[in-house]
Amino acid sequence: MPNAKQHVIAGLAVGAVVNSAIQWLDRVDDPNKPFDWGELLVCSIAAGAAALLPDILEPADGPDHRKFFHSLTVAGLVAHAISGKHTENYSEPACRLLAALGMGYLSHIALDCTTPAAIDLV
């Protein structure tokens, strides 16, 4: 079973990759745009923190602690929250941070899928 340290490391990595990809795509449109290392750091830390959220909401106090916040249903809701049509109204920095937070949360669910207990649909 992944522990908190493994979830944070995965979240940090996911946040860095997601933000790097977004910034790289920006540079495809504008090659003179500098890479923002501060944004990368903020998004990585945010994703690392979000990766802990499922276990904060449902503490791992027993082998059957995975309920609603560890489900595929919530994973789908998070995916919609970070990519739905409603995000078109958000500022660019807010969308980037939201993407990092959501992907950090989803990294937790993905890691938990690899365990024998797996996760539930609901």
C-alpha atoms as a PDB file:
ATOM      1  CA  MET A   1       0.000   0.000   0.000  1.00  0.00           C
ATOM      2  CA  PRO A   2       1.487   3.388  -0.949  1.00  0.00           C
ATOM      3  CA  ASN A   3       2.250   5.544   2.061  1.00  0.00           C
ATOM      4  CA  ALA A   4       2.056   9.320   2.425  1.00  0.00           C
ATOM      5  CA  LYS A   5       5.659   9.810   1.294  1.00  0.00           C
ATOM      6  CA  GLN A   6       5.049   7.842  -1.913  1.00  0.00           C
ATOM      7  CA  HIS A   7       1.851   9.786  -2.609  1.00  0.00           C
ATOM      8  CA  VAL A   8       3.635  13.123  -2.146  1.00  0.00           C
ATOM      9  CA  ILE A   9       6.531  12.098  -4.390  1.00  0.00           C
ATOM     10  CA  ALA A  10       4.111  10.965  -7.108  1.00  0.00           C
ATOM     11  CA  GLY A  11       2.111  14.187  -6.744  1.00  0.00           C
ATOM     12  CA  LEU A  12       5.219  16.360  -6.973  1.00  0.00           C
ATOM     13  CA  ALA A  13       6.337  14.509 -10.090  1.00  0.00           C
ATOM     14  CA  VAL A  14       2.913  14.715 -11.717  1.00  0.00           C
ATOM     15  CA  GLY A  15       2.664  18.437 -10.943  1.00  0.00           C
ATOM     16  CA  ALA A  16       6.076  19.074 -12.472  1.00  0.00           C
ATOM     17  CA  VAL A  17       5.283  17.063 -15.602  1.00  0.00           C
ATOM     18  CA  VAL A  18       1.858  18.647 -16.101  1.00  0.00           C
ATOM     19  CA  ASN A  19       3.177  22.182 -15.679  1.00  0.00           C
ATOM     20  CA  SER A  20       6.227  21.518 -17.849  1.00  0.00           C
ATOM     21  CA  ALA A  21       3.967  20.211 -20.610  1.00  0.00           C
ATOM     22  CA  ILE A  22       1.689  23.243 -20.373  1.00  0.00           C
ATOM     23  CA  GLN A  23       4.635  25.637 -20.476  1.00  0.00           C
ATOM     24  CA  TRP A  24       6.200  23.720 -23.375  1.00  0.00           C
ATOM     25  CA  LEU A  25       2.955  24.025 -25.343  1.00  0.00           C
ATOM     26  CA  ASP A  26       2.976  27.773 -24.623  1.00  0.00           C
ATOM     27  CA  ARG A  27       6.476  27.986 -26.057  1.00  0.00           C
ATOM     28  CA  VAL A  28       5.328  26.264 -29.247  1.00  0.00           C
ATOM     29  CA  ASP A  29       3.022  29.250 -29.825  1.00  0.00           C
ATOM     30  CA  ASP A  30       5.561  31.839 -28.603  1.00  0.00           C
ATOM     31  CA  PRO A  31       9.191  30.614 -28.729  1.00  0.00           C
ATOM     32  CA  ASN A  32      10.388  33.758 -26.912  1.00  0.00           C
ATOM     33  CA  LYS A  33       8.274  33.084 -23.835  1.00  0.00           C
ATOM     34  CA  PRO A  34      10.573  32.206 -20.922  1.00  0.00           C
ATOM     35  CA  PHE A  35      10.094  29.100 -18.818  1.00  0.00           C
ATOM     36  CA  ASP A  36       8.613  30.086 -15.437  1.00  0.00           C
ATOM     37  CA  TRP A  37      10.424  28.075 -12.762  1.00  0.00           C
ATOM     38  CA  GLY A  38       8.348  29.666  -9.993  1.00  0.00           C
ATOM     39  CA  GLU A  39       5.138  28.453 -11.617  1.00  0.00           C
ATOM     40  CA  LEU A  40       6.647  24.977 -11.932  1.00  0.00           C
ATOM     41  CA  LEU A  41       7.529  24.997  -8.228  1.00  0.00           C
ATOM     42  CA  VAL A  42       4.072  26.200  -7.120  1.00  0.00           C
ATOM     43  CA  CYS A  43       2.260  23.663  -9.303  1.00  0.00           C
ATOM     44  CA  SER A  44       4.514  20.827  -8.131  1.00  0.00           C
ATOM     45  CA  ILE A  45       3.975  21.635  -4.462  1.00  0.00           C
ATOM     46  CA  ALA A  46       0.221  22.053  -5.003  1.00  0.00           C
ATOM     47  CA  ALA A  47       0.004  18.664  -6.723  1.00  0.00           C
ATOM     48  CA  GLY A  48       2.083  17.040  -3.980  1.00  0.00           C
ATOM     49  CA  ALA A  49      -0.295  18.418  -1.357  1.00  0.00           C
ATOM     50  CA  ALA A  50      -3.375  17.393  -3.359  1.00  0.00           C
ATOM     51  CA  ALA A  51      -2.003  13.858  -3.570  1.00  0.00           C
ATOM     52  CA  LEU A  52      -2.516  13.598   0.197  1.00  0.00           C
ATOM     53  CA  LEU A  53      -6.115  14.811   0.090  1.00  0.00           C
ATOM     54  CA  PRO A  54      -7.891  11.434  -0.285  1.00  0.00           C
ATOM     55  CA  ASP A  55      -6.189  10.104   2.856  1.00  0.00           C
ATOM     56  CA  ILE A  56      -6.900  13.350   4.719  1.00  0.00           C
ATOM     57  CA  LEU A  57     -10.593  13.079   3.837  1.00  0.00           C
ATOM     58  CA  GLU A  58     -10.661   9.321   4.583  1.00  0.00           C
ATOM     59  CA  PRO A  59      -7.803   8.545   6.972  1.00  0.00           C
ATOM     60  CA  ALA A  60      -6.030   5.241   6.476  1.00  0.00           C
ATOM     61  CA  ASP A  61      -7.030   3.869   9.874  1.00  0.00           C
ATOM     62  CA  GLY A  62      -7.802   0.382   8.577  1.00  0.00           C
ATOM     63  CA  PRO A  63      -7.558  -1.800   5.494  1.00  0.00           C
ATOM     64  CA  ASP A  64     -11.072  -0.827   4.361  1.00  0.00           C
ATOM     65  CA  HIS A  65     -10.673   2.944   4.663  1.00  0.00           C
ATOM     66  CA  ARG A  66     -11.157   3.566   0.954  1.00  0.00           C
ATOM     67  CA  LYS A  67     -14.677   4.803   0.411  1.00  0.00           C
ATOM     68  CA  PHE A  68     -16.117   7.652  -1.669  1.00  0.00           C
ATOM     69  CA  PHE A  69     -13.012   9.873  -1.898  1.00  0.00           C
ATOM     70  CA  HIS A  70     -10.963   6.910  -3.148  1.00  0.00           C
ATOM     71  CA  SER A  71     -13.435   5.922  -5.877  1.00  0.00           C
ATOM     72  CA  LEU A  72     -13.575   6.075  -9.647  1.00  0.00           C
ATOM     73  CA  THR A  73     -16.626   8.296  -9.254  1.00  0.00           C
ATOM     74  CA  VAL A  74     -14.596  10.998  -7.534  1.00  0.00           C
ATOM     75  CA  ALA A  75     -11.791  10.511 -10.059  1.00  0.00           C
ATOM     76  CA  GLY A  76     -14.303  11.279 -12.799  1.00  0.00           C
ATOM     77  CA  LEU A  77     -15.603  14.313 -10.920  1.00  0.00           C
ATOM     78  CA  VAL A  78     -12.065  15.630 -10.440  1.00  0.00           C
ATOM     79  CA  ALA A  79     -11.275  15.067 -14.119  1.00  0.00           C
ATOM     80  CA  HIS A  80     -14.388  17.049 -15.048  1.00  0.00           C
ATOM     81  CA  ALA A  81     -13.528  19.791 -12.536  1.00  0.00           C
ATOM     82  CA  ILE A  82     -10.133  20.383 -14.147  1.00  0.00           C
ATOM     83  CA  SER A  83     -11.182  20.105 -17.781  1.00  0.00           C
ATOM     84  CA  GLY A  84     -14.883  20.831 -18.140  1.00  0.00           C
ATOM     85  CA  LYS A  85     -16.318  23.638 -20.241  1.00  0.00           C
ATOM     86  CA  HIS A  86     -16.719  25.760 -17.097  1.00  0.00           C
ATOM     87  CA  THR A  87     -12.922  26.179 -16.918  1.00  0.00           C
ATOM     88  CA  GLU A  88     -12.993  28.415 -20.012  1.00  0.00           C
ATOM     89  CA  ASN A  89     -14.069  31.262 -17.701  1.00  0.00           C
ATOM     90  CA  TYR A  90     -11.031  30.858 -15.412  1.00  0.00           C
ATOM     91  CA  SER A  91      -7.810  32.816 -15.769  1.00  0.00           C
ATOM     92  CA  GLU A  92      -4.803  31.053 -17.271  1.00  0.00           C
ATOM     93  CA  PRO A  93      -2.901  30.839 -13.948  1.00  0.00           C
ATOM     94  CA  ALA A  94      -6.011  29.470 -12.218  1.00  0.00           C
ATOM     95  CA  CYS A  95      -6.411  26.783 -14.899  1.00  0.00           C
ATOM     96  CA  ARG A  96      -2.771  25.761 -14.536  1.00  0.00           C
ATOM     97  CA  LEU A  97      -3.031  25.515 -10.771  1.00  0.00           C
ATOM     98  CA  LEU A  98      -6.337  23.654 -11.031  1.00  0.00           C
ATOM     99  CA  ALA A  99      -4.765  21.175 -13.469  1.00  0.00           C
ATOM    100  CA  ALA A 100      -1.883  20.550 -11.066  1.00  0.00           C
ATOM    101  CA  LEU A 101      -4.199  20.113  -8.084  1.00  0.00           C
ATOM    102  CA  GLY A 102      -6.515  17.748  -9.945  1.00  0.00           C
ATOM    103  CA  MET A 103      -3.736  15.652 -11.405  1.00  0.00           C
ATOM    104  CA  GLY A 104      -2.090  15.408  -7.979  1.00  0.00           C
ATOM    105  CA  TYR A 105      -5.355  14.084  -6.539  1.00  0.00           C
ATOM    106  CA  LEU A 106      -5.693  11.641  -9.438  1.00  0.00           C
ATOM    107  CA  SER A 107      -2.140  10.406  -8.876  1.00  0.00           C
ATOM    108  CA  HIS A 108      -3.263   9.203  -5.444  1.00  0.00           C
ATOM    109  CA  ILE A 109      -6.158   7.261  -6.965  1.00  0.00           C
ATOM    110  CA  ALA A 110      -3.851   5.806  -9.638  1.00  0.00           C
ATOM    111  CA  LEU A 111      -1.334   4.605  -7.038  1.00  0.00           C
ATOM    112  CA  ASP A 112      -4.095   3.062  -4.944  1.00  0.00           C
ATOM    113  CA  CYS A 113      -5.344   1.170  -8.019  1.00  0.00           C
ATOM    114  CA  THR A 114      -2.070  -0.770  -8.012  1.00  0.00           C
ATOM    115  CA  THR A 115      -2.682  -2.288  -4.569  1.00  0.00           C
ATOM    116  CA  PRO A 116      -4.499  -5.567  -3.852  1.00  0.00           C
ATOM    117  CA  ALA A 117      -7.388  -3.628  -2.252  1.00  0.00           C
ATOM    118  CA  ALA A 118      -7.702  -1.448  -5.390  1.00  0.00           C
ATOM    119  CA  ILE A 119     -10.509   1.129  -5.392  1.00  0.00           C
ATOM    120  CA  ASP A 120     -14.279   0.998  -5.762  1.00  0.00           C
ATOM    121  CA  LEU A 121     -16.523   2.372  -8.469  1.00  0.00           C
ATOM    122  CA  VAL A 122     -18.460   4.481  -5.936  1.00  0.00           C
END
